[in-house]
Amino acid sequence: MIVEERCYTIAPAHLREFLTVFEREGLGIIRPILGNLIGYFTTEVGMINGVVHLWGYESMADRETRRAALAASEDWRAFLPRVTPFIQAMENRILVPTAFSPLR
């Protein structure tokens, strides 16, 4: 298993709006395609106006297939303009669990 960590910095005063639009309109599109949503978080300390979400994949090949399907989704492409104006920065990491990690 691998975990993809995506971190977004949202424009000041727009965090609540971003979350509302994503939950109401985007989550129903992305979740069936990407599959294993481990968690969706906001930040309280450090990076302010932050959103972090974690997605689990069986392998890099599984991630590549699912991300390609999401990119090809007409619904997803139509949705993106609803949230991209709120995003100021994005960071993406692939996390690989250790042999002793409870999440494997």
Protein backbone atom coordinates (compact mmCIF):
# COMPACT_ATOMS: atom_id res chain seq x y z
CA MET A 1 0.00 0.00 0.00
CA ILE A 2 1.03 3.59 -0.61
CA VAL A 3 -0.58 6.76 0.69
CA GLU A 4 -0.85 9.97 -1.29
CA GLU A 5 -0.80 13.12 0.82
CA ARG A 6 -2.14 16.24 -0.88
CA CYS A 7 -1.83 19.59 0.86
CA TYR A 8 -3.54 22.74 -0.35
CA THR A 9 -3.20 26.29 0.91
CA ILE A 10 -6.54 28.03 0.46
CA ALA A 11 -6.91 31.77 -0.05
CA PRO A 12 -7.60 33.62 3.22
CA ALA A 13 -11.30 33.81 4.16
CA HIS A 14 -12.24 31.08 1.63
CA LEU A 15 -11.50 27.87 3.55
CA ARG A 16 -15.11 27.27 4.62
CA GLU A 17 -16.39 27.97 1.09
CA PHE A 18 -13.81 25.62 -0.45
CA LEU A 19 -14.78 22.82 1.95
CA THR A 20 -18.50 23.34 1.37
CA VAL A 21 -18.19 23.25 -2.42
CA PHE A 22 -15.85 20.25 -2.31
CA GLU A 23 -18.10 18.27 0.02
CA ARG A 24 -21.32 19.05 -1.87
CA GLU A 25 -20.06 18.75 -5.43
CA GLY A 26 -16.58 17.27 -5.67
CA LEU A 27 -16.49 14.42 -3.18
CA GLY A 28 -19.19 12.47 -5.02
CA ILE A 29 -17.11 12.64 -8.19
CA ILE A 30 -13.64 11.94 -6.81
CA ARG A 31 -14.36 9.29 -4.19
CA PRO A 32 -15.75 6.55 -6.49
CA ILE A 33 -12.77 6.99 -8.83
CA LEU A 34 -9.90 7.25 -6.35
CA GLY A 35 -11.49 4.83 -3.90
CA ASN A 36 -9.76 4.72 -0.54
CA LEU A 37 -10.14 8.10 1.18
CA ILE A 38 -8.17 7.72 4.42
CA GLY A 39 -8.92 11.20 5.71
CA TYR A 40 -9.66 14.83 4.89
CA PHE A 41 -8.32 17.43 7.30
CA THR A 42 -7.84 21.15 7.93
CA THR A 43 -4.76 22.52 9.66
CA GLU A 44 -4.80 24.27 13.03
CA VAL A 45 -1.11 24.99 13.58
CA GLY A 46 1.65 25.75 11.09
CA MET A 47 0.33 26.25 7.56
CA ILE A 48 -2.86 28.25 8.01
CA ASN A 49 -5.84 27.87 5.68
CA GLY A 50 -4.59 24.38 4.93
CA VAL A 51 -6.43 21.33 3.66
CA VAL A 52 -4.77 17.90 3.74
CA HIS A 53 -6.24 14.75 2.29
CA LEU A 54 -4.87 11.23 2.27
CA TRP A 55 -5.72 8.57 -0.32
CA GLY A 56 -4.65 4.93 -0.15
CA TYR A 57 -3.62 2.90 -3.19
CA GLU A 58 -2.52 -0.68 -3.64
CA SER A 59 0.54 0.44 -5.63
CA MET A 60 1.92 3.25 -7.78
CA ALA A 61 0.34 1.52 -10.79
CA ASP A 62 -3.06 1.56 -9.04
CA ARG A 63 -2.61 5.26 -8.27
CA GLU A 64 -1.59 6.02 -11.85
CA THR A 65 -4.65 4.22 -13.24
CA ARG A 66 -7.05 5.93 -10.83
CA ARG A 67 -5.54 9.39 -11.30
CA ALA A 68 -5.76 8.97 -15.10
CA ALA A 69 -9.43 7.99 -14.78
CA LEU A 70 -10.06 11.08 -12.65
CA ALA A 71 -8.30 13.33 -15.17
CA ALA A 72 -10.44 11.82 -17.95
CA SER A 73 -13.69 12.33 -16.05
CA GLU A 74 -15.86 14.98 -17.67
CA ASP A 75 -17.63 15.56 -14.37
CA TRP A 76 -14.30 16.19 -12.61
CA ARG A 77 -13.05 18.55 -15.33
CA ALA A 78 -16.33 20.49 -15.13
CA PHE A 79 -16.04 20.67 -11.33
CA LEU A 80 -12.43 21.89 -11.09
CA PRO A 81 -13.19 25.55 -11.96
CA ARG A 82 -15.46 25.63 -8.90
CA VAL A 83 -12.52 25.14 -6.50
CA THR A 84 -9.23 25.97 -8.25
CA PRO A 85 -9.66 29.75 -7.76
CA PHE A 86 -9.48 29.17 -3.99
CA ILE A 87 -6.19 27.22 -4.13
CA GLN A 88 -3.02 29.27 -3.65
CA ALA A 89 -0.52 26.41 -3.40
CA MET A 90 -0.43 22.63 -3.62
CA GLU A 91 2.03 20.03 -2.40
CA ASN A 92 1.87 16.32 -3.08
CA ARG A 93 3.79 13.45 -1.45
CA ILE A 94 3.71 9.69 -1.75
CA LEU A 95 4.10 7.97 1.62
CA VAL A 96 5.25 4.37 1.85
CA PRO A 97 4.50 2.61 5.15
CA THR A 98 7.30 0.99 7.09
CA ALA A 99 7.23 -2.71 7.95
CA PHE A 100 5.97 -1.85 11.47
CA SER A 101 3.35 0.72 10.48
CA PRO A 102 -0.20 -0.08 11.68
CA LEU A 103 -1.45 1.23 8.33
CA ARG A 104 -0.03 -1.04 5.66
